[in-house]
């Protein structure tokens, strides 16, 4: 698999993580109003995980490419 093709998939996965982060953030606010502590906590954790995945996947991939190009 070429790095360009892999980069396209990283972009798609990152976009899906952004969408899931937005979904769980909205779910968090919805359950915050309903005073459902368990679901609120789970939604907050899921939103944080997907946000960090959306931000870190491209960084890690670009760092990998940088190391491969300079070695």
N, C-alpha and C. Protein backbone atom coordinates (compact mmCIF):
# COMPACT_ATOMS: atom_id res chain seq x y z
N UNK A 1 0.85 -1.17 0.00
CA UNK A 1 0.00 0.00 0.00
C UNK A 1 0.89 1.24 0.00
N UNK A 2 0.64 2.16 -0.89
CA UNK A 2 1.47 3.35 -1.01
C UNK A 2 1.12 4.35 0.10
N UNK A 3 2.08 5.18 0.49
CA UNK A 3 1.80 6.18 1.53
C UNK A 3 0.69 7.15 1.14
N UNK A 4 0.58 7.48 -0.17
CA UNK A 4 -0.48 8.38 -0.60
C UNK A 4 -1.84 7.76 -0.37
N UNK A 5 -1.97 6.47 -0.73
CA UNK A 5 -3.24 5.76 -0.52
C UNK A 5 -3.54 5.65 0.97
N UNK A 6 -2.53 5.36 1.77
CA UNK A 6 -2.72 5.28 3.22
C UNK A 6 -3.11 6.64 3.79
N UNK A 7 -2.51 7.70 3.25
CA UNK A 7 -2.86 9.05 3.70
C UNK A 7 -4.31 9.38 3.45
N UNK A 8 -4.85 8.90 2.34
CA UNK A 8 -6.27 9.12 2.06
C UNK A 8 -7.13 8.43 3.12
N UNK A 9 -6.76 7.21 3.48
CA UNK A 9 -7.52 6.50 4.51
C UNK A 9 -7.39 7.16 5.87
N UNK A 10 -6.22 7.70 6.17
CA UNK A 10 -6.05 8.42 7.44
C UNK A 10 -6.98 9.62 7.48
N UNK A 11 -7.11 10.32 6.36
CA UNK A 11 -8.03 11.46 6.28
C UNK A 11 -9.48 11.06 6.48
N UNK A 12 -9.86 9.94 5.89
CA UNK A 12 -11.24 9.46 6.03
C UNK A 12 -11.51 9.05 7.48
N UNK A 13 -10.59 8.32 8.07
CA UNK A 13 -10.77 7.88 9.46
C UNK A 13 -10.80 9.08 10.40
N UNK A 14 -9.95 10.05 10.15
CA UNK A 14 -9.93 11.26 10.97
C UNK A 14 -11.26 12.01 10.87
N UNK A 15 -11.81 12.09 9.67
CA UNK A 15 -13.10 12.76 9.49
C UNK A 15 -14.22 12.02 10.22
N UNK A 16 -14.20 10.71 10.15
CA UNK A 16 -15.20 9.91 10.88
C UNK A 16 -15.06 10.13 12.38
N UNK A 17 -13.83 10.23 12.87
CA UNK A 17 -13.61 10.50 14.30
C UNK A 17 -14.15 11.87 14.69
N UNK A 18 -13.99 12.89 13.82
CA UNK A 18 -14.55 14.22 14.07
C UNK A 18 -16.07 14.15 14.17
N UNK A 19 -16.69 13.41 13.26
CA UNK A 19 -18.15 13.29 13.26
C UNK A 19 -18.63 12.59 14.53
N UNK A 20 -17.95 11.51 14.92
CA UNK A 20 -18.33 10.81 16.14
C UNK A 20 -18.10 11.67 17.38
N UNK A 21 -17.04 12.46 17.36
CA UNK A 21 -16.80 13.38 18.48
C UNK A 21 -17.94 14.38 18.60
N UNK A 22 -18.37 14.95 17.48
CA UNK A 22 -19.48 15.89 17.48
C UNK A 22 -20.75 15.22 17.98
N UNK A 23 -21.01 13.99 17.53
CA UNK A 23 -22.19 13.25 17.96
C UNK A 23 -22.19 13.03 19.47
N UNK A 24 -21.06 12.57 20.01
CA UNK A 24 -21.01 12.30 21.44
C UNK A 24 -21.01 13.58 22.27
N UNK A 25 -20.52 14.68 21.70
CA UNK A 25 -20.62 15.96 22.40
C UNK A 25 -22.07 16.40 22.52
N UNK A 26 -22.81 16.25 21.43
CA UNK A 26 -24.24 16.58 21.48
C UNK A 26 -24.99 15.66 22.43
N UNK A 27 -24.62 14.38 22.43
CA UNK A 27 -25.24 13.44 23.36
C UNK A 27 -24.92 13.82 24.80
N UNK A 28 -23.69 14.27 25.04
CA UNK A 28 -23.29 14.71 26.37
C UNK A 28 -24.18 15.86 26.84
N UNK A 29 -24.37 16.88 25.99
CA UNK A 29 -25.20 18.02 26.38
C UNK A 29 -26.65 17.63 26.57
N UNK A 30 -27.14 16.70 25.74
CA UNK A 30 -28.52 16.25 25.87
C UNK A 30 -28.73 15.52 27.20
N UNK A 31 -27.80 14.65 27.56
CA UNK A 31 -27.94 13.90 28.80
C UNK A 31 -27.59 14.74 30.03
N UNK A 32 -26.87 15.81 29.84
CA UNK A 32 -26.59 16.72 30.95
C UNK A 32 -27.88 17.36 31.43
N UNK A 33 -28.76 17.68 30.50
CA UNK A 33 -30.06 18.26 30.85
C UNK A 33 -30.96 17.24 31.54
N UNK A 34 -30.81 15.96 31.17
CA UNK A 34 -31.67 14.91 31.72
C UNK A 34 -31.18 14.39 33.07
N UNK A 35 -30.04 14.89 33.52
CA UNK A 35 -29.43 14.45 34.80
C UNK A 35 -29.15 12.96 34.85
N UNK A 36 -28.72 12.40 33.73
CA UNK A 36 -28.34 10.99 33.67
C UNK A 36 -26.82 10.92 33.76
N UNK A 37 -26.31 10.73 34.98
CA UNK A 37 -24.86 10.82 35.22
C UNK A 37 -24.05 9.78 34.47
N UNK A 38 -24.52 8.54 34.44
CA UNK A 38 -23.76 7.46 33.82
C UNK A 38 -23.58 7.70 32.33
N UNK A 39 -24.66 8.00 31.64
CA UNK A 39 -24.60 8.22 30.20
C UNK A 39 -23.84 9.51 29.89
N UNK A 40 -23.99 10.52 30.74
CA UNK A 40 -23.25 11.77 30.55
C UNK A 40 -21.76 11.53 30.62
N UNK A 41 -21.33 10.76 31.61
CA UNK A 41 -19.91 10.47 31.77
C UNK A 41 -19.38 9.65 30.59
N UNK A 42 -20.16 8.65 30.16
CA UNK A 42 -19.74 7.83 29.02
C UNK A 42 -19.64 8.65 27.74
N UNK A 43 -20.59 9.56 27.53
CA UNK A 43 -20.57 10.41 26.34
C UNK A 43 -19.37 11.35 26.35
N UNK A 44 -19.05 11.88 27.52
CA UNK A 44 -17.90 12.78 27.63
C UNK A 44 -16.61 12.04 27.33
N UNK A 45 -16.46 10.84 27.86
CA UNK A 45 -15.25 10.05 27.62
C UNK A 45 -15.14 9.68 26.15
N UNK A 46 -16.25 9.27 25.53
CA UNK A 46 -16.24 8.90 24.11
C UNK A 46 -15.88 10.11 23.25
N UNK A 47 -16.44 11.28 23.57
CA UNK A 47 -16.13 12.48 22.80
C UNK A 47 -14.65 12.83 22.91
N UNK A 48 -14.07 12.69 24.09
CA UNK A 48 -12.64 12.98 24.28
C UNK A 48 -11.78 11.99 23.51
N UNK A 49 -12.14 10.72 23.54
CA UNK A 49 -11.38 9.69 22.82
C UNK A 49 -11.41 9.95 21.32
N UNK A 50 -12.59 10.25 20.77
CA UNK A 50 -12.68 10.48 19.33
C UNK A 50 -12.02 11.78 18.92
N UNK A 51 -12.08 12.81 19.76
CA UNK A 51 -11.39 14.06 19.45
C UNK A 51 -9.89 13.85 19.42
N UNK A 52 -9.38 13.15 20.43
CA UNK A 52 -7.93 12.89 20.45
C UNK A 52 -7.51 12.00 19.28
N UNK A 53 -8.34 11.05 18.90
CA UNK A 53 -8.03 10.21 17.74
C UNK A 53 -8.01 11.03 16.46
N UNK A 54 -9.00 11.92 16.31
CA UNK A 54 -9.07 12.74 15.10
C UNK A 54 -7.88 13.67 14.99
N UNK A 55 -7.36 14.14 16.12
CA UNK A 55 -6.22 15.05 16.09
C UNK A 55 -4.88 14.32 16.00
N UNK A 56 -4.77 13.17 16.64
CA UNK A 56 -3.48 12.48 16.71
C UNK A 56 -3.17 11.58 15.52
N UNK A 57 -4.17 10.99 14.89
CA UNK A 57 -3.90 10.10 13.75
C UNK A 57 -3.12 10.80 12.63
N UNK A 58 -3.55 11.97 12.16
CA UNK A 58 -2.76 12.62 11.11
C UNK A 58 -1.36 13.03 11.57
N UNK A 59 -1.23 13.43 12.82
CA UNK A 59 0.08 13.84 13.35
C UNK A 59 1.04 12.65 13.37
N UNK A 60 0.56 11.52 13.87
CA UNK A 60 1.40 10.33 13.93
C UNK A 60 1.77 9.86 12.52
N UNK A 61 0.81 9.87 11.60
CA UNK A 61 1.09 9.44 10.24
C UNK A 61 2.11 10.38 9.56
N UNK A 62 1.93 11.69 9.74
CA UNK A 62 2.87 12.63 9.14
C UNK A 62 4.26 12.52 9.76
N UNK A 63 4.32 12.26 11.04
CA UNK A 63 5.62 12.04 11.68
C UNK A 63 6.28 10.78 11.12
N UNK A 64 5.50 9.73 10.92
CA UNK A 64 6.02 8.50 10.32
C UNK A 64 6.57 8.77 8.92
N UNK A 65 5.82 9.52 8.12
CA UNK A 65 6.29 9.86 6.77
C UNK A 65 7.57 10.69 6.83
N UNK A 66 7.62 11.64 7.76
CA UNK A 66 8.80 12.48 7.90
C UNK A 66 10.04 11.63 8.23
N UNK A 67 9.88 10.69 9.15
CA UNK A 67 10.99 9.82 9.53
C UNK A 67 11.40 8.94 8.35
N UNK A 68 10.44 8.41 7.60
CA UNK A 68 10.74 7.55 6.46
C UNK A 68 11.46 8.32 5.35
N UNK A 69 11.05 9.57 5.13
CA UNK A 69 11.66 10.36 4.07
C UNK A 69 13.09 10.79 4.42
N UNK A 70 13.38 10.98 5.69
CA UNK A 70 14.69 11.46 6.12
C UNK A 70 15.65 10.35 6.49
N UNK A 71 15.24 9.11 6.35
CA UNK A 71 16.17 8.02 6.69
C UNK A 71 16.75 7.38 5.46
